[in-house]
PDB file of N, CA and C in Angstrom:
ATOM      1  N   UNK A   1      59.396  97.408 104.884  1.00  0.00           N
ATOM      2  CA  UNK A   1      59.836  96.179 105.494  1.00  0.00           C
ATOM      3  C   UNK A   1      59.307  96.159 106.927  1.00  0.00           C
ATOM      4  N   UNK A   2      58.670  95.097 107.308  1.00  0.00           N
ATOM      5  CA  UNK A   2      58.127  94.939 108.648  1.00  0.00           C
ATOM      6  C   UNK A   2      59.036  93.989 109.413  1.00  0.00           C
ATOM      7  N   UNK A   3      59.511  94.444 110.555  1.00  0.00           N
ATOM      8  CA  UNK A   3      60.328  93.580 111.404  1.00  0.00           C
ATOM      9  C   UNK A   3      59.591  93.346 112.701  1.00  0.00           C
ATOM     10  N   UNK A   4      59.833  92.253 113.344  1.00  0.00           N
ATOM     11  CA  UNK A   4      59.173  91.951 114.615  1.00  0.00           C
ATOM     12  C   UNK A   4      57.987  91.034 114.417  1.00  0.00           C
ATOM     13  N   UNK A   5      57.409  90.637 115.528  1.00  0.00           N
ATOM     14  CA  UNK A   5      56.328  89.666 115.500  1.00  0.00           C
ATOM     15  C   UNK A   5      55.024  90.259 114.998  1.00  0.00           C
ATOM     16  N   UNK A   6      54.806  91.565 115.208  1.00  0.00           N
ATOM     17  CA  UNK A   6      53.558  92.179 114.771  1.00  0.00           C
ATOM     18  C   UNK A   6      52.430  91.854 115.733  1.00  0.00           C
ATOM     19  N   UNK A   7      51.333  92.536 115.583  1.00  0.00           N
ATOM     20  CA  UNK A   7      50.199  92.309 116.473  1.00  0.00           C
ATOM     21  C   UNK A   7      50.359  93.065 117.778  1.00  0.00           C
ATOM     22  N   UNK A   8      49.301  93.039 118.560  1.00  0.00           N
ATOM     23  CA  UNK A   8      49.320  93.737 119.836  1.00  0.00           C
ATOM     24  C   UNK A   8      49.869  92.848 120.926  1.00  0.00           C
ATOM     25  N   UNK A   9      50.727  93.412 121.753  1.00  0.00           N
ATOM     26  CA  UNK A   9      51.255  92.673 122.895  1.00  0.00           C
ATOM     27  C   UNK A   9      50.563  93.161 124.148  1.00  0.00           C
ATOM     28  N   UNK A  10      50.385  92.290 125.071  1.00  0.00           N
ATOM     29  CA  UNK A  10      49.805  92.646 126.358  1.00  0.00           C
ATOM     30  C   UNK A  10      50.932  92.762 127.374  1.00  0.00           C
ATOM     31  N   UNK A  11      51.105  93.933 127.950  1.00  0.00           N
ATOM     32  CA  UNK A  11      52.130  94.164 128.941  1.00  0.00           C
ATOM     33  C   UNK A  11      51.482  94.150 130.322  1.00  0.00           C
ATOM     34  N   UNK A  12      52.067  93.416 131.226  1.00  0.00           N
ATOM     35  CA  UNK A  12      51.535  93.383 132.591  1.00  0.00           C
ATOM     36  C   UNK A  12      51.881  94.693 133.297  1.00  0.00           C
ATOM     37  N   UNK A  13      51.173  94.970 134.367  1.00  0.00           N
ATOM     38  CA  UNK A  13      51.434  96.169 135.148  1.00  0.00           C
ATOM     39  C   UNK A  13      52.864  96.132 135.687  1.00  0.00           C
ATOM     40  N   UNK A  14      53.320  94.951 136.076  1.00  0.00           N
ATOM     41  CA  UNK A  14      54.672  94.796 136.587  1.00  0.00           C
ATOM     42  C   UNK A  14      55.702  95.152 135.515  1.00  0.00           C
ATOM     43  N   UNK A  15      55.489  94.673 134.286  1.00  0.00           N
ATOM     44  CA  UNK A  15      56.431  94.971 133.200  1.00  0.00           C
ATOM     45  C   UNK A  15      56.448  96.463 132.865  1.00  0.00           C
ATOM     46  N   UNK A  16      55.267  97.075 132.841  1.00  0.00           N
ATOM     47  CA  UNK A  16      55.196  98.516 132.579  1.00  0.00           C
ATOM     48  C   UNK A  16      55.929  99.294 133.668  1.00  0.00           C
ATOM     49  N   UNK A  17      55.717  98.877 134.920  1.00  0.00           N
ATOM     50  CA  UNK A  17      56.375  99.553 136.046  1.00  0.00           C
ATOM     51  C   UNK A  17      57.887  99.424 135.947  1.00  0.00           C
ATOM     52  N   UNK A  18      58.374  98.277 135.509  1.00  0.00           N
ATOM     53  CA  UNK A  18      59.815  98.071 135.364  1.00  0.00           C
ATOM     54  C   UNK A  18      60.385  98.996 134.287  1.00  0.00           C
ATOM     55  N   UNK A  19      59.681  99.127 133.164  1.00  0.00           N
ATOM     56  CA  UNK A  19      60.134 100.003 132.084  1.00  0.00           C
ATOM     57  C   UNK A  19      60.121 101.457 132.565  1.00  0.00           C
ATOM     58  N   UNK A  20      59.045 101.860 133.236  1.00  0.00           N
ATOM     59  CA  UNK A  20      58.940 103.234 133.738  1.00  0.00           C
ATOM     60  C   UNK A  20      60.048 103.516 134.745  1.00  0.00           C
ATOM     61  N   UNK A  21      60.319 102.557 135.632  1.00  0.00           N
ATOM     62  CA  UNK A  21      61.368 102.739 136.632  1.00  0.00           C
ATOM     63  C   UNK A  21      62.728 102.942 135.972  1.00  0.00           C
ATOM     64  N   UNK A  22      62.983 102.247 134.888  1.00  0.00           N
ATOM     65  CA  UNK A  22      64.250 102.431 134.172  1.00  0.00           C
ATOM     66  C   UNK A  22      64.358 103.823 133.572  1.00  0.00           C
ATOM     67  N   UNK A  23      63.234 104.359 133.093  1.00  0.00           N
ATOM     68  CA  UNK A  23      63.277 105.688 132.475  1.00  0.00           C
ATOM     69  C   UNK A  23      63.423 106.794 133.507  1.00  0.00           C
ATOM     70  N   UNK A  24      63.152 106.503 134.769  1.00  0.00           N
ATOM     71  CA  UNK A  24      63.263 107.517 135.815  1.00  0.00           C
ATOM     72  C   UNK A  24      64.683 107.649 136.363  1.00  0.00           C
ATOM     73  N   UNK A  25      65.570 106.774 135.948  1.00  0.00           N
ATOM     74  CA  UNK A  25      66.971 106.879 136.373  1.00  0.00           C
ATOM     75  C   UNK A  25      67.561 108.170 135.804  1.00  0.00           C
ATOM     76  N   UNK A  26      68.457 108.828 136.543  1.00  0.00           N
ATOM     77  CA  UNK A  26      68.993 110.120 136.086  1.00  0.00           C
ATOM     78  C   UNK A  26      69.670 110.087 134.716  1.00  0.00           C
ATOM     79  N   UNK A  27      70.359 109.021 134.379  1.00  0.00           N
ATOM     80  CA  UNK A  27      71.076 108.991 133.104  1.00  0.00           C
ATOM     81  C   UNK A  27      70.320 108.235 132.011  1.00  0.00           C
ATOM     82  N   UNK A  28      69.055 107.909 132.257  1.00  0.00           N
ATOM     83  CA  UNK A  28      68.286 107.107 131.292  1.00  0.00           C
ATOM     84  C   UNK A  28      67.870 107.937 130.081  1.00  0.00           C
ATOM     85  N   UNK A  29      67.919 107.302 128.918  1.00  0.00           N
ATOM     86  CA  UNK A  29      67.425 107.886 127.680  1.00  0.00           C
ATOM     87  C   UNK A  29      66.221 107.039 127.273  1.00  0.00           C
ATOM     88  N   UNK A  30      65.063 107.667 127.193  1.00  0.00           N
ATOM     89  CA  UNK A  30      63.820 106.927 126.985  1.00  0.00           C
ATOM     90  C   UNK A  30      63.833 106.132 125.696  1.00  0.00           C
ATOM     91  N   UNK A  31      64.372 106.698 124.632  1.00  0.00           N
ATOM     92  CA  UNK A  31      64.383 105.959 123.364  1.00  0.00           C
ATOM     93  C   UNK A  31      65.247 104.703 123.457  1.00  0.00           C
ATOM     94  N   UNK A  32      66.343 104.760 124.231  1.00  0.00           N
ATOM     95  CA  UNK A  32      67.183 103.565 124.402  1.00  0.00           C
ATOM     96  C   UNK A  32      66.476 102.499 125.229  1.00  0.00           C
ATOM     97  N   UNK A  33      65.787 102.922 126.282  1.00  0.00           N
ATOM     98  CA  UNK A  33      65.036 101.967 127.098  1.00  0.00           C
ATOM     99  C   UNK A  33      63.940 101.312 126.257  1.00  0.00           C
ATOM    100  N   UNK A  34      63.235 102.118 125.475  1.00  0.00           N
ATOM    101  CA  UNK A  34      62.169 101.582 124.623  1.00  0.00           C
ATOM    102  C   UNK A  34      62.734 100.594 123.605  1.00  0.00           C
ATOM    103  N   UNK A  35      63.863 100.922 123.003  1.00  0.00           N
ATOM    104  CA  UNK A  35      64.484 100.041 122.018  1.00  0.00           C
ATOM    105  C   UNK A  35      64.870  98.702 122.646  1.00  0.00           C
ATOM    106  N   UNK A  36      65.363  98.747 123.891  1.00  0.00           N
ATOM    107  CA  UNK A  36      65.748  97.521 124.589  1.00  0.00           C
ATOM    108  C   UNK A  36      64.560  96.577 124.769  1.00  0.00           C
ATOM    109  N   UNK A  37      63.389  97.144 124.974  1.00  0.00           N
ATOM    110  CA  UNK A  37      62.197  96.324 125.176  1.00  0.00           C
ATOM    111  C   UNK A  37      61.392  96.111 123.891  1.00  0.00           C
ATOM    112  N   UNK A  38      61.845  96.694 122.801  1.00  0.00           N
ATOM    113  CA  UNK A  38      61.174  96.484 121.517  1.00  0.00           C
ATOM    114  C   UNK A  38      59.866  97.244 121.387  1.00  0.00           C
ATOM    115  N   UNK A  39      59.780  98.401 122.029  1.00  0.00           N
ATOM    116  CA  UNK A  39      58.569  99.224 121.924  1.00  0.00           C
ATOM    117  C   UNK A  39      58.970 100.623 121.480  1.00  0.00           C
ATOM    118  N   UNK A  40      57.999 101.410 121.103  1.00  0.00           N
ATOM    119  CA  UNK A  40      58.254 102.773 120.649  1.00  0.00           C
ATOM    120  C   UNK A  40      58.332 103.721 121.839  1.00  0.00           C
ATOM    121  N   UNK A  41      59.149 104.765 121.731  1.00  0.00           N
ATOM    122  CA  UNK A  41      59.253 105.732 122.830  1.00  0.00           C
ATOM    123  C   UNK A  41      57.903 106.367 123.186  1.00  0.00           C
ATOM    124  N   UNK A  42      57.049 106.569 122.178  1.00  0.00           N
ATOM    125  CA  UNK A  42      55.735 107.157 122.434  1.00  0.00           C
ATOM    126  C   UNK A  42      54.933 106.312 123.416  1.00  0.00           C
ATOM    127  N   UNK A  43      55.089 104.991 123.312  1.00  0.00           N
ATOM    128  CA  UNK A  43      54.377 104.091 124.214  1.00  0.00           C
ATOM    129  C   UNK A  43      54.875 104.273 125.648  1.00  0.00           C
ATOM    130  N   UNK A  44      56.186 104.413 125.798  1.00  0.00           N
ATOM    131  CA  UNK A  44      56.759 104.618 127.134  1.00  0.00           C
ATOM    132  C   UNK A  44      56.266 105.936 127.719  1.00  0.00           C
ATOM    133  N   UNK A  45      56.253 106.993 126.905  1.00  0.00           N
ATOM    134  CA  UNK A  45      55.752 108.279 127.388  1.00  0.00           C
ATOM    135  C   UNK A  45      54.289 108.166 127.813  1.00  0.00           C
ATOM    136  N   UNK A  46      53.496 107.429 127.054  1.00  0.00           N
ATOM    137  CA  UNK A  46      52.080 107.245 127.409  1.00  0.00           C
ATOM    138  C   UNK A  46      51.953 106.494 128.735  1.00  0.00           C
ATOM    139  N   UNK A  47      52.763 105.468 128.937  1.00  0.00           N
ATOM    140  CA  UNK A  47      52.727 104.724 130.207  1.00  0.00           C
ATOM    141  C   UNK A  47      53.119 105.628 131.368  1.00  0.00           C
ATOM    142  N   UNK A  48      54.158 106.445 131.163  1.00  0.00           N
ATOM    143  CA  UNK A  48      54.597 107.355 132.234  1.00  0.00           C
ATOM    144  C   UNK A  48      53.509 108.367 132.563  1.00  0.00           C
ATOM    145  N   UNK A  49      52.874 108.923 131.526  1.00  0.00           N
ATOM    146  CA  UNK A  49      51.813 109.905 131.736  1.00  0.00           C
ATOM    147  C   UNK A  49      50.649 109.289 132.507  1.00  0.00           C
ATOM    148  N   UNK A  50      50.267 108.076 132.101  1.00  0.00           N
ATOM    149  CA  UNK A  50      49.152 107.394 132.761  1.00  0.00           C
ATOM    150  C   UNK A  50      49.511 107.055 134.213  1.00  0.00           C
ATOM    151  N   UNK A  51      50.742 106.613 134.437  1.00  0.00           N
ATOM    152  CA  UNK A  51      51.166 106.282 135.802  1.00  0.00           C
ATOM    153  C   UNK A  51      51.209 107.541 136.665  1.00  0.00           C
ATOM    154  N   UNK A  52      51.605 108.661 136.075  1.00  0.00           N
ATOM    155  CA  UNK A  52      51.637 109.922 136.822  1.00  0.00           C
ATOM    156  C   UNK A  52      50.251 110.378 137.214  1.00  0.00           C
ATOM    157  N   UNK A  53      49.278 110.216 136.304  1.00  0.00           N
ATOM    158  CA  UNK A  53      47.903 110.599 136.611  1.00  0.00           C
ATOM    159  C   UNK A  53      47.309 109.722 137.701  1.00  0.00           C
ATOM    160  N   UNK A  54      47.722 108.475 137.752  1.00  0.00           N
ATOM    161  CA  UNK A  54      47.206 107.550 138.754  1.00  0.00           C
ATOM    162  C   UNK A  54      47.992 107.637 140.059  1.00  0.00           C
ATOM    163  N   UNK A  55      49.026 108.459 140.082  1.00  0.00           N
ATOM    164  CA  UNK A  55      49.820 108.626 141.292  1.00  0.00           C
ATOM    165  C   UNK A  55      50.790 107.497 141.545  1.00  0.00           C
ATOM    166  N   UNK A  56      51.131 106.755 140.514  1.00  0.00           N
ATOM    167  CA  UNK A  56      52.049 105.624 140.692  1.00  0.00           C
ATOM    168  C   UNK A  56      53.505 105.993 140.510  1.00  0.00           C
ATOM    169  N   UNK A  57      53.764 107.096 139.834  1.00  0.00           N
ATOM    170  CA  UNK A  57      55.145 107.529 139.684  1.00  0.00           C
ATOM    171  C   UNK A  57      55.507 108.220 140.979  1.00  0.00           C
ATOM    172  N   UNK A  58      56.590 107.782 141.601  1.00  0.00           N
ATOM    173  CA  UNK A  58      56.953 108.244 142.936  1.00  0.00           C
ATOM    174  C   UNK A  58      57.143 109.736 143.038  1.00  0.00           C
ATOM    175  N   UNK A  59      56.618 110.322 144.103  1.00  0.00           N
ATOM    176  CA  UNK A  59      56.782 111.751 144.347  1.00  0.00           C
ATOM    177  C   UNK A  59      58.232 112.062 144.679  1.00  0.00           C
ATOM    178  N   UNK A  60      58.935 111.093 145.236  1.00  0.00           N
ATOM    179  CA  UNK A  60      60.336 111.319 145.597  1.00  0.00           C
ATOM    180  C   UNK A  60      61.187 111.546 144.354  1.00  0.00           C
ATOM    181  N   UNK A  61      60.852 110.873 143.251  1.00  0.00           N
ATOM    182  CA  UNK A  61      61.651 111.048 142.043  1.00  0.00           C
ATOM    183  C   UNK A  61      61.482 112.443 141.467  1.00  0.00           C
ATOM    184  N   UNK A  62      60.278 113.014 141.542  1.00  0.00           N
ATOM    185  CA  UNK A  62      60.098 114.359 141.013  1.00  0.00           C
ATOM    186  C   UNK A  62      60.586 115.400 142.004  1.00  0.00           C
ATOM    187  N   UNK A  63      60.522 115.102 143.311  1.00  0.00           N
ATOM    188  CA  UNK A  63      60.986 116.061 144.304  1.00  0.00           C
ATOM    189  C   UNK A  63      62.510 116.176 144.288  1.00  0.00           C
ATOM    190  N   UNK A  64      63.196 115.176 143.804  1.00  0.00           N
ATOM    191  CA  UNK A  64      64.649 115.213 143.779  1.00  0.00           C
ATOM    192  C   UNK A  64      65.168 116.288 142.820  1.00  0.00           C
ATOM    193  N   UNK A  65      64.354 116.741 141.878  1.00  0.00           N
ATOM    194  CA  UNK A  65      64.791 117.706 140.890  1.00  0.00           C
ATOM    195  C   UNK A  65      64.342 119.121 141.215  1.00  0.00           C
ATOM    196  N   UNK A  66      63.723 119.339 142.356  1.00  0.00           N
ATOM    197  CA  UNK A  66      63.252 120.666 142.726  1.00  0.00           C
ATOM    198  C   UNK A  66      64.398 121.432 143.376  1.00  0.00           C
ATOM    199  N   UNK A  67      64.822 122.553 142.795  1.00  0.00           N
ATOM    200  CA  UNK A  67      65.930 123.296 143.387  1.00  0.00           C
ATOM    201  C   UNK A  67      65.478 124.078 144.614  1.00  0.00           C
ATOM    202  N   UNK A  68      66.346 124.183 145.592  1.00  0.00           N
ATOM    203  CA  UNK A  68      66.072 124.979 146.787  1.00  0.00           C
ATOM    204  C   UNK A  68      66.807 126.299 146.646  1.00  0.00           C
ATOM    205  N   UNK A  69      66.082 127.389 146.831  1.00  0.00           N
ATOM    206  CA  UNK A  69      66.666 128.716 146.697  1.00  0.00           C
ATOM    207  C   UNK A  69      66.524 129.429 148.032  1.00  0.00           C
ATOM    208  N   UNK A  70      67.640 129.848 148.595  1.00  0.00           N
ATOM    209  CA  UNK A  70      67.627 130.582 149.862  1.00  0.00           C
ATOM    210  C   UNK A  70      68.011 132.023 149.582  1.00  0.00           C
ATOM    211  N   UNK A  71      67.157 132.942 149.989  1.00  0.00           N
ATOM    212  CA  UNK A  71      67.426 134.359 149.787  1.00  0.00           C
ATOM    213  C   UNK A  71      68.252 134.884 150.952  1.00  0.00           C
ATOM    214  N   UNK A  72      69.239 135.692 150.660  1.00  0.00           N
ATOM    215  CA  UNK A  72      70.093 136.256 151.698  1.00  0.00           C
ATOM    216  C   UNK A  72      69.312 137.240 152.560  1.00  0.00           C
ATOM    217  N   UNK A  73      68.454 138.028 151.932  1.00  0.00           N
ATOM    218  CA  UNK A  73      67.624 138.968 152.673  1.00  0.00           C
ATOM    219  C   UNK A  73      66.259 139.016 152.013  1.00  0.00           C
ATOM    220  N   UNK A  74      65.217 139.339 152.767  1.00  0.00           N
ATOM    221  CA  UNK A  74      63.884 139.366 152.173  1.00  0.00           C
ATOM    222  C   UNK A  74      63.762 140.482 151.134  1.00  0.00           C
ATOM    223  N   UNK A  75      62.979 140.223 150.128  1.00  0.00           N
ATOM    224  CA  UNK A  75      62.755 141.193 149.068  1.00  0.00           C
ATOM    225  C   UNK A  75      61.686 142.178 149.534  1.00  0.00           C
ATOM    226  N   UNK A  76      61.971 143.472 149.431  1.00  0.00           N
ATOM    227  CA  UNK A  76      61.022 144.490 149.858  1.00  0.00           C
ATOM    228  C   UNK A  76      59.901 144.613 148.834  1.00  0.00           C
ATOM    229  N   UNK A  77      58.682 144.699 149.313  1.00  0.00           N
ATOM    230  CA  UNK A  77      57.517 144.877 148.448  1.00  0.00           C
ATOM    231  C   UNK A  77      57.121 146.344 148.454  1.00  0.00           C
ATOM    232  N   UNK A  78      57.000 146.938 147.291  1.00  0.00           N
ATOM    233  CA  UNK A  78      56.623 148.335 147.181  1.00  0.00           C
ATOM    234  C   UNK A  78      55.312 148.442 146.424  1.00  0.00           C
ATOM    235  N   UNK A  79      54.547 149.455 146.767  1.00  0.00           N
ATOM    236  CA  UNK A  79      53.294 149.703 146.062  1.00  0.00           C
ATOM    237  C   UNK A  79      53.617 150.251 144.668  1.00  0.00           C
ATOM    238  N   UNK A  80      52.649 150.207 143.744  1.00  0.00           N
ATOM    239  CA  UNK A  80      52.893 150.760 142.405  1.00  0.00           C
ATOM    240  C   UNK A  80      53.294 152.243 142.445  1.00  0.00           C
ATOM    241  N   UNK A  81      52.692 153.010 143.369  1.00  0.00           N
ATOM    242  CA  UNK A  81      53.056 154.427 143.472  1.00  0.00           C
ATOM    243  C   UNK A  81      54.500 154.598 143.915  1.00  0.00           C
ATOM    244  N   UNK A  82      54.931 153.781 144.867  1.00  0.00           N
ATOM    245  CA  UNK A  82      56.315 153.862 145.324  1.00  0.00           C
ATOM    246  C   UNK A  82      57.286 153.509 144.202  1.00  0.00           C
ATOM    247  N   UNK A  83      56.928 152.477 143.396  1.00  0.00           N
ATOM    248  CA  UNK A  83      57.794 152.088 142.284  1.00  0.00           C
ATOM    249  C   UNK A  83      57.861 153.195 141.237  1.00  0.00           C
ATOM    250  N   UNK A  84      56.720 153.870 140.983  1.00  0.00           N
ATOM    251  CA  UNK A  84      56.695 154.945 140.000  1.00  0.00           C
ATOM    252  C   UNK A  84      57.553 156.123 140.475  1.00  0.00           C
ATOM    253  N   UNK A  85      57.424 156.484 141.770  1.00  0.00           N
ATOM    254  CA  UNK A  85      58.238 157.572 142.307  1.00  0.00           C
ATOM    255  C   UNK A  85      59.723 157.237 142.225  1.00  0.00           C
ATOM    256  N   UNK A  86      60.063 155.991 142.550  1.00  0.00           N
ATOM    257  CA  UNK A  86      61.470 155.591 142.494  1.00  0.00           C
ATOM    258  C   UNK A  86      61.990 155.641 141.065  1.00  0.00           C
ATOM    259  N   UNK A  87      61.159 155.213 140.109  1.00  0.00           N
ATOM    260  CA  UNK A  87      61.577 155.231 138.710  1.00  0.00           C
ATOM    261  C   UNK A  87      61.819 156.652 138.231  1.00  0.00           C
ATOM    262  N   UNK A  88      60.957 157.584 138.636  1.00  0.00           N
ATOM    263  CA  UNK A  88      61.159 158.970 138.207  1.00  0.00           C
ATOM    264  C   UNK A  88      62.374 159.572 138.895  1.00  0.00           C
ATOM    265  N   UNK A  89      62.616 159.226 140.168  1.00  0.00           N
ATOM    266  CA  UNK A  89      63.824 159.713 140.849  1.00  0.00           C
ATOM    267  C   UNK A  89      65.069 159.177 140.156  1.00  0.00           C
ATOM    268  N   UNK A  90      65.001 157.894 139.790  1.00  0.00           N
ATOM    269  CA  UNK A  90      66.147 157.298 139.098  1.00  0.00           C
ATOM    270  C   UNK A  90      66.405 157.984 137.760  1.00  0.00           C
ATOM    271  N   UNK A  91      65.333 158.454 137.131  1.00  0.00           N
ATOM    272  CA  UNK A  91      65.471 159.138 135.846  1.00  0.00           C
ATOM    273  C   UNK A  91      65.863 160.600 136.023  1.00  0.00           C
ATOM    274  N   UNK A  92      65.942 161.057 137.280  1.00  0.00           N
ATOM    275  CA  UNK A  92      66.342 162.440 137.532  1.00  0.00           C
ATOM    276  C   UNK A  92      65.213 163.424 137.372  1.00  0.00           C
ATOM    277  N   UNK A  93      63.975 163.009 137.587  1.00  0.00           N
ATOM    278  CA  UNK A  93      62.835 163.871 137.371  1.00  0.00           C
ATOM    279  C   UNK A  93      61.887 163.716 138.561  1.00  0.00           C
ATOM    280  N   UNK A  94      61.380 164.820 139.093  1.00  0.00           N
ATOM    281  CA  UNK A  94      60.433 164.735 140.201  1.00  0.00           C
ATOM    282  C   UNK A  94      59.041 164.425 139.654  1.00  0.00           C
ATOM    283  N   UNK A  95      58.164 164.000 140.525  1.00  0.00           N
ATOM    284  CA  UNK A  95      56.787 163.707 140.111  1.00  0.00           C
ATOM    285  C   UNK A  95      56.108 164.976 139.596  1.00  0.00           C
ATOM    286  N   UNK A  96      56.402 166.114 140.236  1.00  0.00           N
ATOM    287  CA  UNK A  96      55.770 167.372 139.833  1.00  0.00           C
ATOM    288  C   UNK A  96      56.195 167.754 138.420  1.00  0.00           C
ATOM    289  N   UNK A  97      57.497 167.644 138.125  1.00  0.00           N
ATOM    290  CA  UNK A  97      57.958 168.019 136.785  1.00  0.00           C
ATOM    291  C   UNK A  97      57.455 167.032 135.735  1.00  0.00           C
ATOM    292  N   UNK A  98      57.336 165.772 136.124  1.00  0.00           N
ATOM    293  CA  UNK A  98      56.800 164.792 135.183  1.00  0.00           C
ATOM    294  C   UNK A  98      55.335 165.089 134.888  1.00  0.00           C
ATOM    295  N   UNK A  99      54.560 165.426 135.905  1.00  0.00           N
ATOM    296  CA  UNK A  99      53.147 165.747 135.705  1.00  0.00           C
ATOM    297  C   UNK A  99      53.006 166.983 134.830  1.00  0.00           C
ATOM    298  N   UNK A 100      53.867 167.976 135.054  1.00  0.00           N
ATOM    299  CA  UNK A 100      53.819 169.202 134.248  1.00  0.00           C
ATOM    300  C   UNK A 100      54.135 168.895 132.786  1.00  0.00           C
ATOM    301  N   UNK A 101      55.124 168.046 132.546  1.00  0.00           N
ATOM    302  CA  UNK A 101      55.453 167.670 131.157  1.00  0.00           C
ATOM    303  C   UNK A 101      54.301 166.947 130.489  1.00  0.00           C
ATOM    304  N   UNK A 102      53.669 166.027 131.226  1.00  0.00           N
ATOM    305  CA  UNK A 102      52.546 165.271 130.654  1.00  0.00           C
ATOM    306  C   UNK A 102      51.376 166.197 130.356  1.00  0.00           C
ATOM    307  N   UNK A 103      51.082 167.133 131.285  1.00  0.00           N
ATOM    308  CA  UNK A 103      49.975 168.078 131.069  1.00  0.00           C
ATOM    309  C   UNK A 103      50.259 168.960 129.870  1.00  0.00           C
ATOM    310  N   UNK A 104      51.497 169.410 129.744  1.00  0.00           N
ATOM    311  CA  UNK A 104      51.881 170.254 128.617  1.00  0.00           C
ATOM    312  C   UNK A 104      51.728 169.507 127.292  1.00  0.00           C
ATOM    313  N   UNK A 105      52.171 168.259 127.267  1.00  0.00           N
ATOM    314  CA  UNK A 105      52.054 167.450 126.048  1.00  0.00           C
ATOM    315  C   UNK A 105      50.591 167.193 125.711  1.00  0.00           C
ATOM    316  N   UNK A 106      49.774 166.977 126.720  1.00  0.00           N
ATOM    317  CA  UNK A 106      48.345 166.719 126.484  1.00  0.00           C
ATOM    318  C   UNK A 106      47.663 167.961 125.905  1.00  0.00           C
ATOM    319  N   UNK A 107      48.003 169.150 126.434  1.00  0.00           N
ATOM    320  CA  UNK A 107      47.422 170.381 125.902  1.00  0.00           C
ATOM    321  C   UNK A 107      47.830 170.588 124.447  1.00  0.00           C
ATOM    322  N   UNK A 108      49.110 170.337 124.126  1.00  0.00           N
ATOM    323  CA  UNK A 108      49.559 170.460 122.735  1.00  0.00           C
ATOM    324  C   UNK A 108      48.797 169.505 121.830  1.00  0.00           C
ATOM    325  N   UNK A 109      48.557 168.298 122.318  1.00  0.00           N
ATOM    326  CA  UNK A 109      47.830 167.304 121.518  1.00  0.00           C
ATOM    327  C   UNK A 109      46.400 167.769 121.272  1.00  0.00           C
ATOM    328  N   UNK A 110      45.725 168.284 122.320  1.00  0.00           N
ATOM    329  CA  UNK A 110      44.345 168.736 122.176  1.00  0.00           C
ATOM    330  C   UNK A 110      44.241 169.955 121.268  1.00  0.00           C
ATOM    331  N   UNK A 111      45.230 170.806 121.291  1.00  0.00           N
ATOM    332  CA  UNK A 111      45.227 172.013 120.453  1.00  0.00           C
ATOM    333  C   UNK A 111      45.598 171.717 119.009  1.00  0.00           C
ATOM    334  N   UNK A 112      45.970 170.488 118.725  1.00  0.00           N
ATOM    335  CA  UNK A 112      46.324 170.134 117.357  1.00  0.00           C
ATOM    336  C   UNK A 112      47.771 170.436 117.029  1.00  0.00           C
ATOM    337  N   UNK A 113      48.566 170.778 118.025  1.00  0.00           N
ATOM    338  CA  UNK A 113      49.963 171.112 117.788  1.00  0.00           C
ATOM    339  C   UNK A 113      50.874 169.900 117.803  1.00  0.00           C
ATOM    340  N   UNK A 114      50.302 168.742 117.866  1.00  0.00           N
ATOM    341  CA  UNK A 114      51.077 167.508 117.909  1.00  0.00           C
ATOM    342  C   UNK A 114      51.417 167.089 116.485  1.00  0.00           C
ATOM    343  N   UNK A 115      52.665 166.923 116.204  1.00  0.00           N
ATOM    344  CA  UNK A 115      53.054 166.493 114.852  1.00  0.00           C
ATOM    345  C   UNK A 115      53.953 165.263 114.953  1.00  0.00           C
ATOM    346  N   UNK A 116      54.135 164.598 113.847  1.00  0.00           N
ATOM    347  CA  UNK A 116      54.980 163.407 113.829  1.00  0.00           C
ATOM    348  C   UNK A 116      56.428 163.736 114.154  1.00  0.00           C
ATOM    349  N   UNK A 117      56.870 164.955 113.803  1.00  0.00           N
ATOM    350  CA  UNK A 117      58.262 165.318 114.061  1.00  0.00           C
ATOM    351  C   UNK A 117      58.504 165.571 115.540  1.00  0.00           C
ATOM    352  N   UNK A 118      57.464 165.894 116.304  1.00  0.00           N
ATOM    353  CA  UNK A 118      57.629 166.156 117.734  1.00  0.00           C
ATOM    354  C   UNK A 118      57.798 164.881 118.534  1.00  0.00           C
ATOM    355  N   UNK A 119      57.418 163.771 117.976  1.00  0.00           N
ATOM    356  CA  UNK A 119      57.539 162.509 118.694  1.00  0.00           C
ATOM    357  C   UNK A 119      58.952 162.110 118.674  1.00  0.00           C
TER     358      UNK A 119
END
């Protein structure tokens, strides 16, 4: 069943801008706005996308949704070596003992003493 006048409609720039402006309201539902004007939601999304590419959609509307985050204190930046040392300290193991364990495991692997049960 086909409802409506059918055929292509020509929408003026002013009419498109009015529809887009309605969809930018905080409580707007695009499908409801599209239904009110007798068009498909996909068409409204296409108009919004095109207006955004042309810079016609206001920057203020998108900036209103950007959250501001204030840090209480600056985050310390550590080098990868510092992070590795801290991780081993947290695990209760010094770098020297960790290196010795890795060397020991590598020698066992090279000697063929590595088995599935040892993993």
